[in-house]
Amino acid sequence: MSALDKVKDFVATTKGKILVVAGTVSMTMVQYASAGNITDGISPVITDVTELLPLMLALVIAALPIIVALAVIGFLLGLFDGILGKIKL
């Protein structure tokens, strides 16, 4: 049995799969763990998120009157339905 066959058998097991995935993730994440470049990677993300927040606020402000109106109409319809359901004609 060659060394390559032994490696293939090990990777086929559950423990081997976990170790291969953990090794791959750790090797790909090393570049993001550098303290010198951490601000280069996170700053654009923070900037993009803060640019989206005013747009989300405008969306909530625009949709809130419609939601309140539908809630009031639903409450009134339920109230009148309850009152009229109790009246026997």
Protein backbone atom coordinates (compact mmCIF):
# COMPACT_ATOMS: atom_id res chain seq x y z
CA MET A 1 0.00 0.00 0.00
CA SER A 2 1.53 3.30 -1.06
CA ALA A 3 1.60 6.51 0.94
CA LEU A 4 -0.97 8.05 -1.39
CA ASP A 5 -3.39 5.19 -0.72
CA LYS A 6 -2.93 5.67 3.03
CA VAL A 7 -3.72 9.38 2.68
CA LYS A 8 -6.81 8.61 0.59
CA ASP A 9 -8.03 6.10 3.20
CA PHE A 10 -7.47 8.61 6.01
CA VAL A 11 -9.37 11.37 4.17
CA ALA A 12 -12.24 8.95 3.57
CA THR A 13 -12.87 8.68 7.31
CA THR A 14 -14.91 11.28 9.22
CA LYS A 15 -11.95 12.41 11.28
CA GLY A 16 -9.91 12.80 8.11
CA LYS A 17 -12.62 14.91 6.47
CA ILE A 18 -12.81 17.18 9.51
CA LEU A 19 -9.04 17.63 9.58
CA VAL A 20 -8.89 18.36 5.84
CA VAL A 21 -11.65 20.98 6.11
CA ALA A 22 -10.07 22.56 9.20
CA GLY A 23 -6.67 22.66 7.51
CA THR A 24 -8.07 24.22 4.35
CA VAL A 25 -9.98 26.87 6.30
CA SER A 26 -6.99 27.69 8.47
CA MET A 27 -4.73 28.06 5.43
CA THR A 28 -7.16 30.34 3.61
CA MET A 29 -7.91 32.47 6.68
CA VAL A 30 -4.26 33.16 7.55
CA GLN A 31 -4.15 36.14 5.21
CA TYR A 32 -7.11 37.73 7.02
CA ALA A 33 -5.52 37.27 10.45
CA SER A 34 -2.65 39.64 9.75
CA ALA A 35 -2.83 42.66 12.08
CA GLY A 36 -1.26 44.97 9.50
CA ASN A 37 -3.93 44.41 6.87
CA ILE A 38 -7.01 44.06 9.03
CA THR A 39 -8.12 47.65 8.49
CA ASP A 40 -7.71 47.28 4.73
CA GLY A 41 -10.18 44.40 4.66
CA ILE A 42 -12.79 45.60 7.12
CA SER A 43 -12.94 49.32 6.33
CA PRO A 44 -14.76 48.94 2.98
CA VAL A 45 -17.28 46.59 4.58
CA ILE A 46 -18.03 49.06 7.39
CA THR A 47 -18.30 51.90 4.88
CA ASP A 48 -20.76 49.95 2.72
CA VAL A 49 -22.92 48.99 5.71
CA THR A 50 -23.09 52.58 6.97
CA GLU A 51 -24.10 53.75 3.51
CA LEU A 52 -26.99 51.24 3.52
CA LEU A 53 -28.39 52.26 6.92
CA PRO A 54 -29.93 55.60 5.80
CA LEU A 55 -31.57 53.80 2.87
CA MET A 56 -33.02 51.20 5.21
CA LEU A 57 -34.27 53.95 7.52
CA ALA A 58 -35.99 55.68 4.58
CA LEU A 59 -37.62 52.37 3.63
CA VAL A 60 -38.96 51.86 7.15
CA ILE A 61 -40.23 55.45 7.34
CA ALA A 62 -41.98 55.04 3.98
CA ALA A 63 -43.60 51.71 4.89
CA LEU A 64 -44.59 52.52 8.48
CA PRO A 65 -47.75 54.58 7.70
CA ILE A 66 -49.05 51.80 5.47
CA ILE A 67 -48.43 49.18 8.15
CA VAL A 68 -50.14 51.32 10.83
CA ALA A 69 -53.11 52.01 8.55
CA LEU A 70 -53.54 48.31 7.80
CA ALA A 71 -53.36 47.48 11.49
CA VAL A 72 -56.03 50.06 12.37
CA ILE A 73 -58.30 48.91 9.54
CA GLY A 74 -57.85 45.28 10.56
CA PHE A 75 -58.65 46.11 14.19
CA LEU A 76 -61.79 48.05 13.25
CA LEU A 77 -63.01 45.32 10.88
CA GLY A 78 -62.46 42.70 13.58
CA LEU A 79 -64.27 44.87 16.14
CA PHE A 80 -67.28 45.44 13.89
CA ASP A 81 -67.32 41.77 12.90
CA GLY A 82 -67.40 40.79 16.56
CA ILE A 83 -70.20 43.25 17.35
CA LEU A 84 -72.30 42.28 14.33
CA GLY A 85 -71.67 38.58 14.99
CA LYS A 86 -73.27 38.92 18.44
CA ILE A 87 -76.42 40.60 17.11
CA LYS A 88 -79.12 38.15 16.14
CA LEU A 89 -81.53 39.43 13.60
